[in-house]
Amino acid sequence: MSLITPDKLQHFQAMIELAKSQERDDEQIFIINNVTWEDYKNLLEITSEKSGILLKYCRENLELMSPRSRHEIYKENIGTLLECYFFATL
């Protein structure tokens, strides 16, 4: 098991804070390379689901994304369309 070193943790926390900043209404996306799977799992434990940050991992690349209101509106609209479709096809 590998632990996130203090330097890496500080770097990840700084990126998360940047992504969470409310100065802009558009999405903030950061990609960090050379992240181990263990680091990713540890970050999932550290960041809560309510932090407003989405973490994605693929082939040692970590993507931090903070969806904004526009993203949430699209998500809700697509969800509503899917609900209507599935109810209509029952």
N, C-alpha and C. Protein backbone atom coordinates (compact mmCIF):
# COMPACT_ATOMS: atom_id res chain seq x y z
N MET A 1 0.85 -1.19 0.00
CA MET A 1 0.00 0.00 0.00
C MET A 1 0.88 1.24 0.00
N SER A 2 0.57 2.15 -0.85
CA SER A 2 1.34 3.39 -0.89
C SER A 2 0.51 4.51 -0.28
N LEU A 3 1.17 5.36 0.43
CA LEU A 3 0.50 6.51 1.03
C LEU A 3 0.83 7.75 0.22
N ILE A 4 -0.06 8.68 0.24
CA ILE A 4 0.21 9.95 -0.44
C ILE A 4 1.21 10.72 0.40
N THR A 5 2.32 11.08 -0.21
CA THR A 5 3.34 11.83 0.52
C THR A 5 2.82 13.23 0.82
N PRO A 6 3.36 13.86 1.86
CA PRO A 6 2.89 15.22 2.19
C PRO A 6 2.99 16.20 1.03
N ASP A 7 4.06 16.08 0.23
CA ASP A 7 4.20 16.98 -0.93
C ASP A 7 3.09 16.76 -1.94
N LYS A 8 2.81 15.47 -2.23
CA LYS A 8 1.74 15.15 -3.18
C LYS A 8 0.40 15.59 -2.62
N LEU A 9 0.17 15.32 -1.34
CA LEU A 9 -1.11 15.69 -0.73
C LEU A 9 -1.32 17.19 -0.80
N GLN A 10 -0.29 17.95 -0.50
CA GLN A 10 -0.39 19.41 -0.56
C GLN A 10 -0.70 19.86 -1.99
N HIS A 11 -0.06 19.23 -2.96
CA HIS A 11 -0.30 19.55 -4.37
C HIS A 11 -1.75 19.25 -4.75
N PHE A 12 -2.24 18.06 -4.36
CA PHE A 12 -3.62 17.67 -4.66
C PHE A 12 -4.61 18.62 -4.00
N GLN A 13 -4.35 18.98 -2.75
CA GLN A 13 -5.26 19.89 -2.04
C GLN A 13 -5.29 21.26 -2.69
N ALA A 14 -4.15 21.73 -3.16
CA ALA A 14 -4.11 23.03 -3.84
C ALA A 14 -4.92 22.98 -5.13
N MET A 15 -4.80 21.88 -5.87
CA MET A 15 -5.57 21.74 -7.11
C MET A 15 -7.07 21.67 -6.82
N ILE A 16 -7.43 20.95 -5.76
CA ILE A 16 -8.85 20.85 -5.39
C ILE A 16 -9.40 22.21 -5.01
N GLU A 17 -8.64 22.99 -4.25
CA GLU A 17 -9.09 24.33 -3.86
C GLU A 17 -9.24 25.23 -5.08
N LEU A 18 -8.32 25.11 -6.03
CA LEU A 18 -8.45 25.88 -7.27
C LEU A 18 -9.72 25.50 -8.02
N ALA A 19 -9.98 24.21 -8.09
CA ALA A 19 -11.17 23.74 -8.80
C ALA A 19 -12.45 24.20 -8.11
N LYS A 20 -12.41 24.31 -6.79
CA LYS A 20 -13.61 24.69 -6.03
C LYS A 20 -13.84 26.19 -6.01
N SER A 21 -12.86 26.98 -6.46
CA SER A 21 -13.00 28.43 -6.36
C SER A 21 -14.25 28.89 -7.10
N GLN A 22 -14.95 29.80 -6.50
CA GLN A 22 -16.23 30.27 -7.03
C GLN A 22 -16.10 31.54 -7.86
N GLU A 23 -14.89 31.89 -8.27
CA GLU A 23 -14.69 33.13 -9.00
C GLU A 23 -15.29 33.10 -10.40
N ARG A 24 -15.43 31.89 -10.97
CA ARG A 24 -15.95 31.78 -12.32
C ARG A 24 -17.14 30.83 -12.30
N ASP A 25 -18.03 31.01 -13.28
CA ASP A 25 -19.19 30.13 -13.35
C ASP A 25 -19.00 28.98 -14.33
N ASP A 26 -17.86 28.94 -15.01
CA ASP A 26 -17.63 27.82 -15.92
C ASP A 26 -16.93 26.68 -15.17
N GLU A 27 -16.88 25.54 -15.82
CA GLU A 27 -16.26 24.38 -15.19
C GLU A 27 -14.76 24.58 -15.07
N GLN A 28 -14.21 24.04 -14.01
CA GLN A 28 -12.77 24.04 -13.82
C GLN A 28 -12.32 22.59 -13.98
N ILE A 29 -11.39 22.33 -14.88
CA ILE A 29 -10.88 20.98 -15.10
C ILE A 29 -9.36 21.02 -15.02
N PHE A 30 -8.81 20.14 -14.19
CA PHE A 30 -7.37 20.01 -14.04
C PHE A 30 -7.01 18.55 -14.26
N ILE A 31 -5.92 18.31 -14.95
CA ILE A 31 -5.44 16.95 -15.18
C ILE A 31 -4.04 16.84 -14.58
N ILE A 32 -3.86 15.84 -13.74
CA ILE A 32 -2.57 15.59 -13.10
C ILE A 32 -2.07 14.23 -13.61
N ASN A 33 -0.86 14.21 -14.12
CA ASN A 33 -0.27 12.99 -14.68
C ASN A 33 0.52 12.22 -13.62
N ASN A 34 0.80 10.97 -13.92
CA ASN A 34 1.63 10.10 -13.08
C ASN A 34 1.07 9.92 -11.67
N VAL A 35 -0.22 9.71 -11.58
CA VAL A 35 -0.88 9.45 -10.30
C VAL A 35 -1.11 7.95 -10.20
N THR A 36 -0.72 7.35 -9.09
CA THR A 36 -0.92 5.91 -8.93
C THR A 36 -2.37 5.62 -8.55
N TRP A 37 -2.75 4.37 -8.77
CA TRP A 37 -4.10 3.94 -8.39
C TRP A 37 -4.30 4.08 -6.89
N GLU A 38 -3.26 3.79 -6.11
CA GLU A 38 -3.35 3.91 -4.66
C GLU A 38 -3.57 5.36 -4.25
N ASP A 39 -2.86 6.28 -4.92
CA ASP A 39 -3.07 7.71 -4.63
C ASP A 39 -4.51 8.10 -4.93
N TYR A 40 -5.04 7.62 -6.04
CA TYR A 40 -6.42 7.93 -6.42
C TYR A 40 -7.39 7.41 -5.36
N LYS A 41 -7.21 6.17 -4.92
CA LYS A 41 -8.11 5.61 -3.90
C LYS A 41 -8.02 6.40 -2.60
N ASN A 42 -6.80 6.81 -2.23
CA ASN A 42 -6.64 7.62 -1.02
C ASN A 42 -7.32 8.97 -1.16
N LEU A 43 -7.22 9.58 -2.33
CA LEU A 43 -7.89 10.87 -2.56
C LEU A 43 -9.40 10.73 -2.48
N LEU A 44 -9.94 9.61 -2.97
CA LEU A 44 -11.38 9.39 -2.87
C LEU A 44 -11.82 9.34 -1.42
N GLU A 45 -10.99 8.76 -0.56
CA GLU A 45 -11.32 8.70 0.86
C GLU A 45 -11.24 10.07 1.50
N ILE A 46 -10.28 10.87 1.07
CA ILE A 46 -10.06 12.19 1.67
C ILE A 46 -11.14 13.19 1.26
N THR A 47 -11.48 13.21 -0.03
CA THR A 47 -12.48 14.16 -0.51
C THR A 47 -13.87 13.58 -0.33
N SER A 48 -14.74 14.37 0.21
CA SER A 48 -16.11 13.89 0.42
C SER A 48 -16.91 14.08 -0.85
N GLU A 49 -18.00 13.34 -0.96
CA GLU A 49 -18.87 13.47 -2.13
C GLU A 49 -19.51 14.85 -2.19
N LYS A 50 -19.60 15.50 -1.05
CA LYS A 50 -20.24 16.82 -0.99
C LYS A 50 -19.25 17.95 -1.27
N SER A 51 -18.01 17.61 -1.62
CA SER A 51 -17.01 18.65 -1.86
C SER A 51 -17.25 19.41 -3.15
N GLY A 52 -18.08 18.85 -4.04
CA GLY A 52 -18.35 19.50 -5.31
C GLY A 52 -17.29 19.23 -6.36
N ILE A 53 -16.39 18.31 -6.07
CA ILE A 53 -15.31 17.96 -6.99
C ILE A 53 -15.52 16.54 -7.49
N LEU A 54 -15.44 16.36 -8.80
CA LEU A 54 -15.51 15.03 -9.39
C LEU A 54 -14.10 14.57 -9.71
N LEU A 55 -13.77 13.36 -9.32
CA LEU A 55 -12.46 12.79 -9.61
C LEU A 55 -12.63 11.65 -10.61
N LYS A 56 -11.80 11.67 -11.64
CA LYS A 56 -11.79 10.58 -12.63
C LYS A 56 -10.35 10.12 -12.79
N TYR A 57 -10.19 8.82 -12.96
CA TYR A 57 -8.85 8.26 -13.08
C TYR A 57 -8.78 7.35 -14.30
N CYS A 58 -7.74 7.51 -15.11
CA CYS A 58 -7.54 6.63 -16.26
C CYS A 58 -6.05 6.61 -16.61
N ARG A 59 -5.45 5.44 -16.54
CA ARG A 59 -4.06 5.25 -16.96
C ARG A 59 -3.10 6.27 -16.36
N GLU A 60 -3.11 6.36 -15.05
CA GLU A 60 -2.23 7.24 -14.28
C GLU A 60 -2.49 8.72 -14.51
N ASN A 61 -3.64 9.07 -15.05
CA ASN A 61 -4.04 10.46 -15.19
C ASN A 61 -5.24 10.72 -14.29
N LEU A 62 -5.16 11.74 -13.49
CA LEU A 62 -6.24 12.11 -12.60
C LEU A 62 -6.87 13.40 -13.11
N GLU A 63 -8.17 13.39 -13.27
CA GLU A 63 -8.90 14.58 -13.71
C GLU A 63 -9.73 15.08 -12.54
N LEU A 64 -9.53 16.34 -12.20
CA LEU A 64 -10.34 17.02 -11.19
C LEU A 64 -11.29 17.95 -11.93
N MET A 65 -12.55 17.85 -11.62
CA MET A 65 -13.53 18.70 -12.29
C MET A 65 -14.51 19.25 -11.28
N SER A 66 -14.79 20.52 -11.40
CA SER A 66 -15.82 21.12 -10.55
C SER A 66 -16.94 21.61 -11.45
N PRO A 67 -18.01 20.83 -11.55
CA PRO A 67 -19.13 21.26 -12.39
C PRO A 67 -19.79 22.51 -11.83
N ARG A 68 -20.21 23.38 -12.68
CA ARG A 68 -20.89 24.61 -12.27
C ARG A 68 -22.37 24.52 -12.57
N SER A 69 -23.08 25.60 -12.35
CA SER A 69 -24.54 25.60 -12.47
C SER A 69 -25.00 25.19 -13.86
N ARG A 70 -24.30 25.61 -14.90
CA ARG A 70 -24.69 25.25 -16.25
C ARG A 70 -24.65 23.72 -16.43
N HIS A 71 -23.62 23.09 -15.89
CA HIS A 71 -23.50 21.64 -15.96
C HIS A 71 -24.66 20.97 -15.22
N GLU A 72 -25.00 21.50 -14.06
CA GLU A 72 -26.08 20.91 -13.27
C GLU A 72 -27.42 21.04 -13.99
N ILE A 73 -27.64 22.16 -14.67
CA ILE A 73 -28.89 22.35 -15.42
C ILE A 73 -28.97 21.33 -16.54
N TYR A 74 -27.87 21.15 -17.28
CA TYR A 74 -27.86 20.14 -18.35
C TYR A 74 -28.12 18.75 -17.79
N LYS A 75 -27.49 18.45 -16.67
CA LYS A 75 -27.65 17.13 -16.07
C LYS A 75 -29.10 16.88 -15.69
N GLU A 76 -29.74 17.86 -15.08
CA GLU A 76 -31.15 17.72 -14.69
C GLU A 76 -32.05 17.58 -15.91
N ASN A 77 -31.79 18.36 -16.95
CA ASN A 77 -32.61 18.27 -18.16
C ASN A 77 -32.48 16.91 -18.84
N ILE A 78 -31.27 16.40 -18.92
CA ILE A 78 -31.07 15.08 -19.52
C ILE A 78 -31.75 14.02 -18.67
N GLY A 79 -31.66 14.14 -17.35
CA GLY A 79 -32.34 13.19 -16.46
C GLY A 79 -33.84 13.21 -16.66
N THR A 80 -34.41 14.40 -16.80
CA THR A 80 -35.85 14.52 -17.03
C THR A 80 -36.25 13.90 -18.36
N LEU A 81 -35.47 14.16 -19.41
CA LEU A 81 -35.75 13.56 -20.72
C LEU A 81 -35.69 12.03 -20.66
N LEU A 82 -34.71 11.50 -19.95
CA LEU A 82 -34.61 10.04 -19.82
C LEU A 82 -35.80 9.47 -19.06
N GLU A 83 -36.21 10.15 -17.99
CA GLU A 83 -37.39 9.70 -17.24
C GLU A 83 -38.62 9.66 -18.14
N CYS A 84 -38.83 10.72 -18.91
CA CYS A 84 -39.99 10.76 -19.82
C CYS A 84 -39.93 9.63 -20.83
N TYR A 85 -38.76 9.40 -21.38
CA TYR A 85 -38.60 8.33 -22.37
C TYR A 85 -38.93 6.97 -21.76
N PHE A 86 -38.37 6.69 -20.59
CA PHE A 86 -38.59 5.37 -19.99
C PHE A 86 -40.03 5.18 -19.55
N PHE A 87 -40.67 6.23 -19.05
CA PHE A 87 -42.09 6.11 -18.69
C PHE A 87 -42.95 5.89 -19.93
N ALA A 88 -42.58 6.52 -21.04
CA ALA A 88 -43.35 6.38 -22.27
C ALA A 88 -43.19 5.00 -22.90
N THR A 89 -42.05 4.35 -22.65
CA THR A 89 -41.81 3.04 -23.26
C THR A 89 -42.24 1.88 -22.38
N LEU A 90 -42.80 2.15 -21.23
CA LEU A 90 -43.26 1.06 -20.34
C LEU A 90 -44.48 0.37 -20.87
